[in-house]
Amino acid sequence: MKCPWCKTEMIDGFINSSRKVVFSQKPNDDFFFLAGRESINLTQHNWTRPSAKAYHCENCKKVIVDYSIEIE
């Protein structure tokens, strides 16, 4: 995948966590497993090994998470 900011090739990988990762418009809008109403769950397998497909740009120091990809 090409970085949308600098157009260089991004590194293919994953976001891994010890608990689920959510996107929210408010800071601290998630309490352990009770996400806020507007929060978007970015990771799968949240009870065992939370992870999501991601791409990293070394130049821009940005990560893009694709939470539509099913992780096995």
PDB file of N, CA and C in Angstrom:
ATOM      1  N   MET A   1       0.848  -1.172   0.000  1.00  0.00           N
ATOM      2  CA  MET A   1       0.000   0.000   0.000  1.00  0.00           C
ATOM      3  C   MET A   1       0.893   1.234   0.000  1.00  0.00           C
ATOM      4  N   LYS A   2       0.526   2.225  -0.788  1.00  0.00           N
ATOM      5  CA  LYS A   2       1.269   3.492  -0.839  1.00  0.00           C
ATOM      6  C   LYS A   2       0.747   4.434   0.244  1.00  0.00           C
ATOM      7  N   CYS A   3       1.656   5.130   0.894  1.00  0.00           N
ATOM      8  CA  CYS A   3       1.285   6.107   1.912  1.00  0.00           C
ATOM      9  C   CYS A   3       0.528   7.258   1.255  1.00  0.00           C
ATOM     10  N   PRO A   4      -0.635   7.623   1.773  1.00  0.00           N
ATOM     11  CA  PRO A   4      -1.390   8.723   1.171  1.00  0.00           C
ATOM     12  C   PRO A   4      -0.741  10.096   1.384  1.00  0.00           C
ATOM     13  N   TRP A   5       0.217  10.196   2.323  1.00  0.00           N
ATOM     14  CA  TRP A   5       0.871  11.468   2.596  1.00  0.00           C
ATOM     15  C   TRP A   5       2.132  11.668   1.760  1.00  0.00           C
ATOM     16  N   CYS A   6       3.040  10.661   1.752  1.00  0.00           N
ATOM     17  CA  CYS A   6       4.319  10.832   1.054  1.00  0.00           C
ATOM     18  C   CYS A   6       4.475   9.935  -0.175  1.00  0.00           C
ATOM     19  N   LYS A   7       3.526   9.032  -0.394  1.00  0.00           N
ATOM     20  CA  LYS A   7       3.480   8.150  -1.571  1.00  0.00           C
ATOM     21  C   LYS A   7       4.549   7.053  -1.590  1.00  0.00           C
ATOM     22  N   THR A   8       5.260   6.822  -0.495  1.00  0.00           N
ATOM     23  CA  THR A   8       6.208   5.704  -0.441  1.00  0.00           C
ATOM     24  C   THR A   8       5.456   4.434  -0.041  1.00  0.00           C
ATOM     25  N   GLU A   9       6.105   3.284  -0.267  1.00  0.00           N
ATOM     26  CA  GLU A   9       5.478   2.011   0.083  1.00  0.00           C
ATOM     27  C   GLU A   9       5.425   1.857   1.604  1.00  0.00           C
ATOM     28  N   MET A  10       4.260   1.428   2.116  1.00  0.00           N
ATOM     29  CA  MET A  10       4.081   1.244   3.552  1.00  0.00           C
ATOM     30  C   MET A  10       4.434  -0.196   3.931  1.00  0.00           C
ATOM     31  N   ILE A  11       4.794  -0.402   5.186  1.00  0.00           N
ATOM     32  CA  ILE A  11       5.118  -1.717   5.714  1.00  0.00           C
ATOM     33  C   ILE A  11       3.831  -2.402   6.143  1.00  0.00           C
ATOM     34  N   ASP A  12       3.642  -3.609   5.635  1.00  0.00           N
ATOM     35  CA  ASP A  12       2.465  -4.425   5.906  1.00  0.00           C
ATOM     36  C   ASP A  12       2.610  -5.087   7.275  1.00  0.00           C
ATOM     37  N   GLY A  13       1.571  -5.014   8.129  1.00  0.00           N
ATOM     38  CA  GLY A  13       1.669  -5.655   9.435  1.00  0.00           C
ATOM     39  C   GLY A  13       0.363  -5.650  10.190  1.00  0.00           C
ATOM     40  N   PHE A  14       0.456  -5.604  11.514  1.00  0.00           N
ATOM     41  CA  PHE A  14      -0.709  -5.688  12.382  1.00  0.00           C
ATOM     42  C   PHE A  14      -0.571  -4.748  13.573  1.00  0.00           C
ATOM     43  N   ILE A  15      -1.701  -4.334  14.094  1.00  0.00           N
ATOM     44  CA  ILE A  15      -1.771  -3.695  15.406  1.00  0.00           C
ATOM     45  C   ILE A  15      -2.089  -4.827  16.374  1.00  0.00           C
ATOM     46  N   ASN A  16      -1.307  -4.989  17.425  1.00  0.00           N
ATOM     47  CA  ASN A  16      -1.550  -6.014  18.444  1.00  0.00           C
ATOM     48  C   ASN A  16      -1.666  -5.321  19.794  1.00  0.00           C
ATOM     49  N   SER A  17      -2.513  -5.873  20.649  1.00  0.00           N
ATOM     50  CA  SER A  17      -2.752  -5.232  21.934  1.00  0.00           C
ATOM     51  C   SER A  17      -3.080  -6.285  22.983  1.00  0.00           C
ATOM     52  N   SER A  18      -2.971  -5.909  24.249  1.00  0.00           N
ATOM     53  CA  SER A  18      -3.376  -6.811  25.327  1.00  0.00           C
ATOM     54  C   SER A  18      -4.869  -6.678  25.615  1.00  0.00           C
ATOM     55  N   ARG A  19      -5.510  -5.677  25.030  1.00  0.00           N
ATOM     56  CA  ARG A  19      -6.963  -5.528  25.095  1.00  0.00           C
ATOM     57  C   ARG A  19      -7.431  -4.799  23.854  1.00  0.00           C
ATOM     58  N   LYS A  20      -8.727  -4.780  23.625  1.00  0.00           N
ATOM     59  CA  LYS A  20      -9.247  -4.235  22.375  1.00  0.00           C
ATOM     60  C   LYS A  20      -8.816  -2.790  22.148  1.00  0.00           C
ATOM     61  N   VAL A  21      -8.811  -2.397  20.889  1.00  0.00           N
ATOM     62  CA  VAL A  21      -8.465  -1.036  20.498  1.00  0.00           C
ATOM     63  C   VAL A  21      -9.690  -0.439  19.823  1.00  0.00           C
ATOM     64  N   VAL A  22     -10.096   0.747  20.254  1.00  0.00           N
ATOM     65  CA  VAL A  22     -11.260   1.404  19.676  1.00  0.00           C
ATOM     66  C   VAL A  22     -10.891   2.804  19.197  1.00  0.00           C
ATOM     67  N   PHE A  23     -11.648   3.302  18.217  1.00  0.00           N
ATOM     68  CA  PHE A  23     -11.557   4.692  17.783  1.00  0.00           C
ATOM     69  C   PHE A  23     -12.728   5.420  18.408  1.00  0.00           C
ATOM     70  N   SER A  24     -12.468   6.591  18.967  1.00  0.00           N
ATOM     71  CA  SER A  24     -13.512   7.399  19.570  1.00  0.00           C
ATOM     72  C   SER A  24     -13.204   8.873  19.323  1.00  0.00           C
ATOM     73  N   GLN A  25     -14.223   9.665  19.238  1.00  0.00           N
ATOM     74  CA  GLN A  25     -14.021  11.106  19.070  1.00  0.00           C
ATOM     75  C   GLN A  25     -13.729  11.792  20.397  1.00  0.00           C
ATOM     76  N   LYS A  26     -13.874  11.062  21.502  1.00  0.00           N
ATOM     77  CA  LYS A  26     -13.595  11.606  22.827  1.00  0.00           C
ATOM     78  C   LYS A  26     -12.472  10.800  23.473  1.00  0.00           C
ATOM     79  N   PRO A  27     -11.568  11.455  24.193  1.00  0.00           N
ATOM     80  CA  PRO A  27     -10.527  10.699  24.893  1.00  0.00           C
ATOM     81  C   PRO A  27     -11.147   9.909  26.047  1.00  0.00           C
ATOM     82  N   ASN A  28     -10.594   8.747  26.315  1.00  0.00           N
ATOM     83  CA  ASN A  28     -11.038   7.910  27.437  1.00  0.00           C
ATOM     84  C   ASN A  28     -12.516   7.563  27.376  1.00  0.00           C
ATOM     85  N   ASP A  29     -13.045   7.315  26.164  1.00  0.00           N
ATOM     86  CA  ASP A  29     -14.458   6.981  25.983  1.00  0.00           C
ATOM     87  C   ASP A  29     -14.673   5.471  26.025  1.00  0.00           C
ATOM     88  N   ASP A  30     -13.706   4.739  26.557  1.00  0.00           N
ATOM     89  CA  ASP A  30     -13.790   3.291  26.609  1.00  0.00           C
ATOM     90  C   ASP A  30     -13.308   2.839  27.980  1.00  0.00           C
ATOM     91  N   PHE A  31     -14.059   1.958  28.607  1.00  0.00           N
ATOM     92  CA  PHE A  31     -13.656   1.413  29.902  1.00  0.00           C
ATOM     93  C   PHE A  31     -13.566  -0.101  29.778  1.00  0.00           C
ATOM     94  N   PHE A  32     -12.357  -0.620  29.679  1.00  0.00           N
ATOM     95  CA  PHE A  32     -12.039  -2.033  29.506  1.00  0.00           C
ATOM     96  C   PHE A  32     -12.822  -2.650  28.353  1.00  0.00           C
ATOM     97  N   PHE A  33     -13.954  -3.275  28.583  1.00  0.00           N
ATOM     98  CA  PHE A  33     -14.704  -3.887  27.485  1.00  0.00           C
ATOM     99  C   PHE A  33     -16.005  -3.161  27.185  1.00  0.00           C
ATOM    100  N   LEU A  34     -16.298  -2.076  27.894  1.00  0.00           N
ATOM    101  CA  LEU A  34     -17.519  -1.318  27.645  1.00  0.00           C
ATOM    102  C   LEU A  34     -17.183  -0.078  26.828  1.00  0.00           C
ATOM    103  N   ALA A  35     -17.300  -0.201  25.522  1.00  0.00           N
ATOM    104  CA  ALA A  35     -16.989   0.925  24.641  1.00  0.00           C
ATOM    105  C   ALA A  35     -18.116   1.940  24.666  1.00  0.00           C
ATOM    106  N   GLY A  36     -17.772   3.200  24.427  1.00  0.00           N
ATOM    107  CA  GLY A  36     -18.780   4.243  24.321  1.00  0.00           C
ATOM    108  C   GLY A  36     -19.694   3.982  23.127  1.00  0.00           C
ATOM    109  N   ARG A  37     -20.855   4.589  23.121  1.00  0.00           N
ATOM    110  CA  ARG A  37     -21.839   4.359  22.057  1.00  0.00           C
ATOM    111  C   ARG A  37     -21.293   4.670  20.674  1.00  0.00           C
ATOM    112  N   GLU A  38     -20.494   5.691  20.542  1.00  0.00           N
ATOM    113  CA  GLU A  38     -19.981   6.109  19.244  1.00  0.00           C
ATOM    114  C   GLU A  38     -18.628   5.491  18.906  1.00  0.00           C
ATOM    115  N   SER A  39     -18.072   4.693  19.795  1.00  0.00           N
ATOM    116  CA  SER A  39     -16.762   4.082  19.564  1.00  0.00           C
ATOM    117  C   SER A  39     -16.836   3.031  18.461  1.00  0.00           C
ATOM    118  N   ILE A  40     -15.751   2.918  17.704  1.00  0.00           N
ATOM    119  CA  ILE A  40     -15.637   1.914  16.653  1.00  0.00           C
ATOM    120  C   ILE A  40     -14.570   0.917  17.079  1.00  0.00           C
ATOM    121  N   ASN A  41     -14.943  -0.346  17.173  1.00  0.00           N
ATOM    122  CA  ASN A  41     -14.011  -1.384  17.545  1.00  0.00           C
ATOM    123  C   ASN A  41     -13.086  -1.678  16.365  1.00  0.00           C
ATOM    124  N   LEU A  42     -11.789  -1.492  16.539  1.00  0.00           N
ATOM    125  CA  LEU A  42     -10.822  -1.691  15.458  1.00  0.00           C
ATOM    126  C   LEU A  42     -10.201  -3.077  15.458  1.00  0.00           C
ATOM    127  N   THR A  43     -10.236  -3.779  16.583  1.00  0.00           N
ATOM    128  CA  THR A  43      -9.572  -5.075  16.672  1.00  0.00           C
ATOM    129  C   THR A  43     -10.569  -6.219  16.709  1.00  0.00           C
ATOM    130  N   GLN A  44     -10.084  -7.397  16.332  1.00  0.00           N
ATOM    131  CA  GLN A  44     -10.844  -8.643  16.387  1.00  0.00           C
ATOM    132  C   GLN A  44     -10.230  -9.548  17.450  1.00  0.00           C
ATOM    133  N   HIS A  45     -10.936 -10.596  17.816  1.00  0.00           N
ATOM    134  CA  HIS A  45     -10.458 -11.579  18.803  1.00  0.00           C
ATOM    135  C   HIS A  45     -10.122 -10.886  20.125  1.00  0.00           C
ATOM    136  N   ASN A  46     -11.027 -10.020  20.575  1.00  0.00           N
ATOM    137  CA  ASN A  46     -10.739  -9.171  21.726  1.00  0.00           C
ATOM    138  C   ASN A  46     -10.622  -9.898  23.062  1.00  0.00           C
ATOM    139  N   TRP A  47     -11.110 -11.123  23.173  1.00  0.00           N
ATOM    140  CA  TRP A  47     -10.979 -11.864  24.424  1.00  0.00           C
ATOM    141  C   TRP A  47      -9.711 -12.706  24.465  1.00  0.00           C
ATOM    142  N   THR A  48      -9.074 -12.914  23.325  1.00  0.00           N
ATOM    143  CA  THR A  48      -7.903 -13.787  23.309  1.00  0.00           C
ATOM    144  C   THR A  48      -6.635 -13.082  22.827  1.00  0.00           C
ATOM    145  N   ARG A  49      -6.700 -12.425  21.675  1.00  0.00           N
ATOM    146  CA  ARG A  49      -5.503 -11.784  21.105  1.00  0.00           C
ATOM    147  C   ARG A  49      -5.931 -10.630  20.203  1.00  0.00           C
ATOM    148  N   PRO A  50      -6.272  -9.493  20.776  1.00  0.00           N
ATOM    149  CA  PRO A  50      -6.741  -8.364  19.965  1.00  0.00           C
ATOM    150  C   PRO A  50      -5.727  -7.963  18.901  1.00  0.00           C
ATOM    151  N   SER A  51      -6.185  -7.895  17.653  1.00  0.00           N
ATOM    152  CA  SER A  51      -5.308  -7.488  16.560  1.00  0.00           C
ATOM    153  C   SER A  51      -6.126  -6.931  15.406  1.00  0.00           C
ATOM    154  N   ALA A  52      -5.453  -6.172  14.551  1.00  0.00           N
ATOM    155  CA  ALA A  52      -6.077  -5.600  13.355  1.00  0.00           C
ATOM    156  C   ALA A  52      -5.012  -5.429  12.293  1.00  0.00           C
ATOM    157  N   LYS A  53      -5.404  -5.586  11.043  1.00  0.00           N
ATOM    158  CA  LYS A  53      -4.493  -5.378   9.908  1.00  0.00           C
ATOM    159  C   LYS A  53      -4.100  -3.905   9.874  1.00  0.00           C
ATOM    160  N   ALA A  54      -2.825  -3.623   9.614  1.00  0.00           N
ATOM    161  CA  ALA A  54      -2.357  -2.235   9.617  1.00  0.00           C
ATOM    162  C   ALA A  54      -1.185  -2.058   8.653  1.00  0.00           C
ATOM    163  N   TYR A  55      -0.940  -0.819   8.311  1.00  0.00           N
ATOM    164  CA  TYR A  55       0.156  -0.436   7.414  1.00  0.00           C
ATOM    165  C   TYR A  55       0.887   0.738   8.056  1.00  0.00           C
ATOM    166  N   HIS A  56       2.226   0.678   8.057  1.00  0.00           N
ATOM    167  CA  HIS A  56       3.043   1.697   8.726  1.00  0.00           C
ATOM    168  C   HIS A  56       3.945   2.408   7.724  1.00  0.00           C
ATOM    169  N   CYS A  57       4.001   3.732   7.812  1.00  0.00           N
ATOM    170  CA  CYS A  57       4.914   4.519   6.990  1.00  0.00           C
ATOM    171  C   CYS A  57       6.065   4.985   7.873  1.00  0.00           C
ATOM    172  N   GLU A  58       7.260   4.519   7.544  1.00  0.00           N
ATOM    173  CA  GLU A  58       8.442   4.916   8.314  1.00  0.00           C
ATOM    174  C   GLU A  58       8.770   6.387   8.131  1.00  0.00           C
ATOM    175  N   ASN A  59       8.497   6.939   6.951  1.00  0.00           N
ATOM    176  CA  ASN A  59       8.801   8.354   6.686  1.00  0.00           C
ATOM    177  C   ASN A  59       7.895   9.289   7.475  1.00  0.00           C
ATOM    178  N   CYS A  60       6.598   9.035   7.434  1.00  0.00           N
ATOM    179  CA  CYS A  60       5.609   9.937   8.045  1.00  0.00           C
ATOM    180  C   CYS A  60       5.285   9.596   9.493  1.00  0.00           C
ATOM    181  N   LYS A  61       5.707   8.408   9.923  1.00  0.00           N
ATOM    182  CA  LYS A  61       5.388   7.930  11.268  1.00  0.00           C
ATOM    183  C   LYS A  61       3.874   7.856  11.475  1.00  0.00           C
ATOM    184  N   LYS A  62       3.173   7.313  10.462  1.00  0.00           N
ATOM    185  CA  LYS A  62       1.724   7.159  10.523  1.00  0.00           C
ATOM    186  C   LYS A  62       1.367   5.696  10.317  1.00  0.00           C
ATOM    187  N   VAL A  63       0.251   5.276  10.922  1.00  0.00           N
ATOM    188  CA  VAL A  63      -0.264   3.920  10.780  1.00  0.00           C
ATOM    189  C   VAL A  63      -1.696   4.002  10.289  1.00  0.00           C
ATOM    190  N   ILE A  64      -2.012   3.184   9.297  1.00  0.00           N
ATOM    191  CA  ILE A  64      -3.378   3.059   8.803  1.00  0.00           C
ATOM    192  C   ILE A  64      -3.890   1.695   9.222  1.00  0.00           C
ATOM    193  N   VAL A  65      -5.048   1.656   9.891  1.00  0.00           N
ATOM    194  CA  VAL A  65      -5.654   0.416  10.351  1.00  0.00           C
ATOM    195  C   VAL A  65      -6.826   0.086   9.437  1.00  0.00           C
ATOM    196  N   ASP A  66      -6.826  -1.147   8.913  1.00  0.00           N
ATOM    197  CA  ASP A  66      -7.926  -1.624   8.087  1.00  0.00           C
ATOM    198  C   ASP A  66      -8.709  -2.637   8.895  1.00  0.00           C
ATOM    199  N   TYR A  67      -9.746  -2.196   9.586  1.00  0.00           N
ATOM    200  CA  TYR A  67     -10.492  -3.093  10.449  1.00  0.00           C
ATOM    201  C   TYR A  67     -11.564  -3.882   9.716  1.00  0.00           C
ATOM    202  N   SER A  68     -11.588  -3.793   8.375  1.00  0.00           N
ATOM    203  CA  SER A  68     -12.531  -4.596   7.592  1.00  0.00           C
ATOM    204  C   SER A  68     -11.951  -5.963   7.239  1.00  0.00           C
ATOM    205  N   ILE A  69     -10.645  -6.149   7.373  1.00  0.00           N
ATOM    206  CA  ILE A  69      -9.987  -7.405   7.020  1.00  0.00           C
ATOM    207  C   ILE A  69     -10.121  -8.400   8.152  1.00  0.00           C
ATOM    208  N   GLU A  70     -10.620  -9.583   7.828  1.00  0.00           N
ATOM    209  CA  GLU A  70     -10.805 -10.653   8.819  1.00  0.00           C
ATOM    210  C   GLU A  70      -9.448 -11.258   9.171  1.00  0.00           C
ATOM    211  N   ILE A  71      -9.132 -11.308  10.462  1.00  0.00           N
ATOM    212  CA  ILE A  71      -7.878 -11.870  10.959  1.00  0.00           C
ATOM    213  C   ILE A  71      -8.150 -13.316  11.400  1.00  0.00           C
ATOM    214  N   GLU A  72      -7.328 -14.240  10.952  1.00  0.00           N
ATOM    215  CA  GLU A  72      -7.521 -15.658  11.326  1.00  0.00           C
ATOM    216  C   GLU A  72      -6.886 -15.947  12.651  1.00  0.00           C
TER     217      GLU A  72
END
